[in-house]
Protein backbone atom coordinates (compact mmCIF):
# COMPACT_ATOMS: atom_id res chain seq x y z
CA UNK A 1 -2.83 -7.59 7.23
CA UNK A 2 -0.59 -8.29 4.02
CA UNK A 3 -1.21 -11.99 4.72
CA UNK A 4 -5.12 -11.36 4.61
CA UNK A 5 -4.61 -9.44 1.13
CA UNK A 6 -5.25 -6.14 2.67
CA UNK A 7 -2.04 -4.33 1.60
CA UNK A 8 0.83 -5.24 -0.18
CA UNK A 9 4.02 -6.65 1.46
CA UNK A 10 5.82 -3.49 0.40
CA UNK A 11 3.72 -1.58 2.72
CA UNK A 12 3.99 -3.71 5.98
CA UNK A 13 6.02 -1.13 7.80
CA UNK A 14 3.26 1.60 6.83
CA UNK A 15 0.43 -0.55 8.01
CA UNK A 16 2.55 -1.35 11.47
CA UNK A 17 2.84 2.23 12.12
CA UNK A 18 -0.56 3.32 11.15
CA UNK A 19 -2.39 0.37 13.12
CA UNK A 20 0.22 0.12 15.74
CA UNK A 21 -0.27 4.09 16.54
CA UNK A 22 -4.15 3.30 16.64
CA UNK A 23 -3.69 0.45 19.25
CA UNK A 24 -0.95 2.38 21.45
CA UNK A 25 -3.20 5.72 21.39
CA UNK A 26 -6.22 3.52 22.30
CA UNK A 27 -4.32 1.69 24.98
CA UNK A 28 -3.10 4.83 26.52
CA UNK A 29 -6.26 6.96 26.64
CA UNK A 30 -8.17 3.86 28.00
CA UNK A 31 -5.65 3.68 30.84
CA UNK A 32 -5.93 7.28 31.47
CA UNK A 33 -9.82 7.85 31.09
CA UNK A 34 -10.66 4.50 33.00
CA UNK A 35 -9.80 5.99 36.32
CA UNK A 36 -11.91 9.17 35.78
CA UNK A 37 -15.10 7.78 33.96
CA UNK A 38 -16.74 4.02 33.53
CA UNK A 39 -14.44 1.69 31.64
CA UNK A 40 -17.10 1.23 28.90
CA UNK A 41 -17.47 4.96 28.35
CA UNK A 42 -13.59 5.16 28.37
CA UNK A 43 -13.25 2.51 26.22
CA UNK A 44 -15.53 4.27 23.62
CA UNK A 45 -13.94 7.61 23.77
CA UNK A 46 -10.36 5.81 23.34
CA UNK A 47 -11.68 4.01 20.47
CA UNK A 48 -13.29 6.80 18.86
CA UNK A 49 -10.21 9.11 19.47
CA UNK A 50 -7.80 6.54 17.98
CA UNK A 51 -9.72 5.71 15.07
CA UNK A 52 -9.74 9.39 14.17
CA UNK A 53 -6.22 10.08 14.96
CA UNK A 54 -4.89 6.93 12.84
CA UNK A 55 -7.15 7.69 9.71
CA UNK A 56 -5.90 11.31 9.75
CA UNK A 57 -2.40 9.69 9.91
CA UNK A 58 -3.13 7.59 6.80
CA UNK A 59 -4.78 10.23 4.99
CA UNK A 60 -1.55 12.28 5.57
CA UNK A 61 0.76 9.49 4.64
CA UNK A 62 -1.54 9.11 1.27
CA UNK A 63 -1.63 12.80 0.49
CA UNK A 64 2.09 13.04 1.08
CA UNK A 65 2.89 10.24 -1.43
CA UNK A 66 0.34 11.61 -3.96
CA UNK A 67 1.48 15.20 -3.68
CA UNK A 68 3.86 14.89 -6.67
CA UNK A 69 0.82 13.19 -9.06
CA UNK A 70 -1.33 16.21 -8.88
CA UNK A 71 0.83 18.44 -10.87
CA UNK A 72 1.70 15.65 -13.25
CA UNK A 73 -2.03 15.17 -13.76
CA UNK A 74 -2.77 18.63 -14.03
CA UNK A 75 0.33 19.14 -16.75
CA UNK A 76 -1.08 16.07 -18.72
CA UNK A 77 -4.79 17.37 -18.75
CA UNK A 78 -3.56 20.99 -20.33
CA UNK A 79 -1.77 18.97 -22.93
CA UNK A 80 -5.12 17.15 -23.62
CA UNK A 81 -6.94 20.49 -23.71
CA UNK A 82 -4.38 22.15 -26.21
CA UNK A 83 -4.52 18.61 -28.42
CA UNK A 84 -8.41 19.19 -28.37
CA UNK A 85 -8.51 22.88 -29.26
CA UNK A 86 -6.27 22.17 -32.25
CA UNK A 87 -8.63 19.20 -33.46
CA UNK A 88 -11.54 21.33 -33.03
CA UNK A 89 -9.91 24.17 -35.18
CA UNK A 90 -9.11 21.76 -37.86
CA UNK A 91 -12.78 20.35 -37.99
CA UNK A 92 -14.72 23.52 -37.55
CA UNK A 93 -15.97 24.00 -40.97
CA UNK A 94 -17.79 20.52 -40.83
CA UNK A 95 -19.90 21.69 -37.42
CA UNK A 96 -23.05 24.04 -37.67
CA UNK A 97 -23.78 26.35 -34.87
CA UNK A 98 -26.60 24.10 -33.68
CA UNK A 99 -24.33 21.14 -33.34
CA UNK A 100 -21.60 23.45 -31.19
CA UNK A 101 -24.53 24.65 -29.00
CA UNK A 102 -25.76 20.97 -28.21
CA UNK A 103 -22.35 19.94 -27.83
CA UNK A 104 -21.70 22.81 -25.31
CA UNK A 105 -25.28 21.60 -23.37
CA UNK A 106 -24.00 17.91 -23.39
CA UNK A 107 -20.60 19.12 -21.70
CA UNK A 108 -22.38 21.06 -19.16
CA UNK A 109 -24.77 18.17 -18.34
CA UNK A 110 -21.97 15.87 -17.89
CA UNK A 111 -20.02 18.31 -15.61
CA UNK A 112 -22.90 18.56 -13.54
CA UNK A 113 -23.60 15.04 -13.48
CA UNK A 114 -19.57 14.30 -12.47
CA UNK A 115 -20.01 17.00 -9.59
CA UNK A 116 -22.86 15.12 -8.37
CA UNK A 117 -20.98 11.86 -8.50
CA UNK A 118 -18.24 13.54 -6.83
CA UNK A 119 -20.36 14.95 -4.03
CA UNK A 120 -22.12 11.61 -3.25
CA UNK A 121 -18.93 9.60 -3.61
CA UNK A 122 -17.54 11.74 -0.63
CA UNK A 123 -20.75 11.15 0.99
CA UNK A 124 -20.69 7.67 0.84
CA UNK A 125 -17.49 7.48 1.88
CA UNK A 126 -18.07 9.42 5.10
CA UNK A 127 -21.03 7.49 5.95
CA UNK A 128 -18.94 4.24 5.75
CA UNK A 129 -16.30 5.65 7.73
CA UNK A 130 -18.93 6.62 10.31
CA UNK A 131 -20.58 3.57 10.11
CA UNK A 132 -17.01 1.76 10.49
CA UNK A 133 -16.23 3.91 13.71
CA UNK A 134 -19.50 3.16 15.31
CA UNK A 135 -19.49 -0.48 14.79
CA UNK A 136 -15.85 -0.86 15.96
CA UNK A 137 -16.59 1.32 19.14
CA UNK A 138 -19.63 -1.14 19.79
CA UNK A 139 -17.62 -4.10 19.78
CA UNK A 140 -14.94 -2.63 21.79
CA UNK A 141 -17.38 -1.41 24.49
CA UNK A 142 -19.05 -5.09 24.26
CA UNK A 143 -15.71 -6.53 24.92
CA UNK A 144 -15.23 -4.39 27.90
CA UNK A 145 -17.99 -4.99 29.29
CA UNK A 146 -17.88 -8.75 29.08
CA UNK A 147 -14.25 -8.85 30.84
CA UNK A 148 -15.62 -6.75 33.27
CA UNK A 149 -18.32 -9.53 34.05
CA UNK A 150 -15.78 -12.35 33.67
CA UNK A 151 -12.62 -11.20 34.61
CA UNK A 152 -12.70 -7.44 35.95
CA UNK A 153 -9.05 -7.82 37.47
CA UNK A 154 -7.94 -7.84 33.81
CA UNK A 155 -9.13 -4.24 33.41
CA UNK A 156 -7.94 -2.89 36.85
CA UNK A 157 -4.24 -2.70 35.84
CA UNK A 158 -1.57 -1.08 37.66
CA UNK A 159 -1.78 2.61 38.47
């Protein structure tokens, strides 16, 4: 993946663990499920489950590495708020009551706009993620169906 520009060389081990877990989980589930349900359905269930688990693993790793940044960002934001309030007190005699009211309305509008962008960003991320799962599952099912037609003995395995 690093050679294709998807991640840096320093995270090769991490990418290997996450992608490897997805492959191992998918393989194991397919082996177990293909004896109980049709191979194409087993491939679909194994793919979706493996993707959900590996994505959760990736989110957990990213969350664990970013845990310290959150408190740092909050601390810096508090400093900016304090600095902003000092500047506002120093310049207060130049601002009329109407200007303060307009400033607050603009601040509320920008907050609601930010909230909308935040929510729509998560919605877009969820849709893209869901679409990716659907496409990968569909491709996997098509490959399994192809092997069932051309070389079914490859999917029989040793039980």
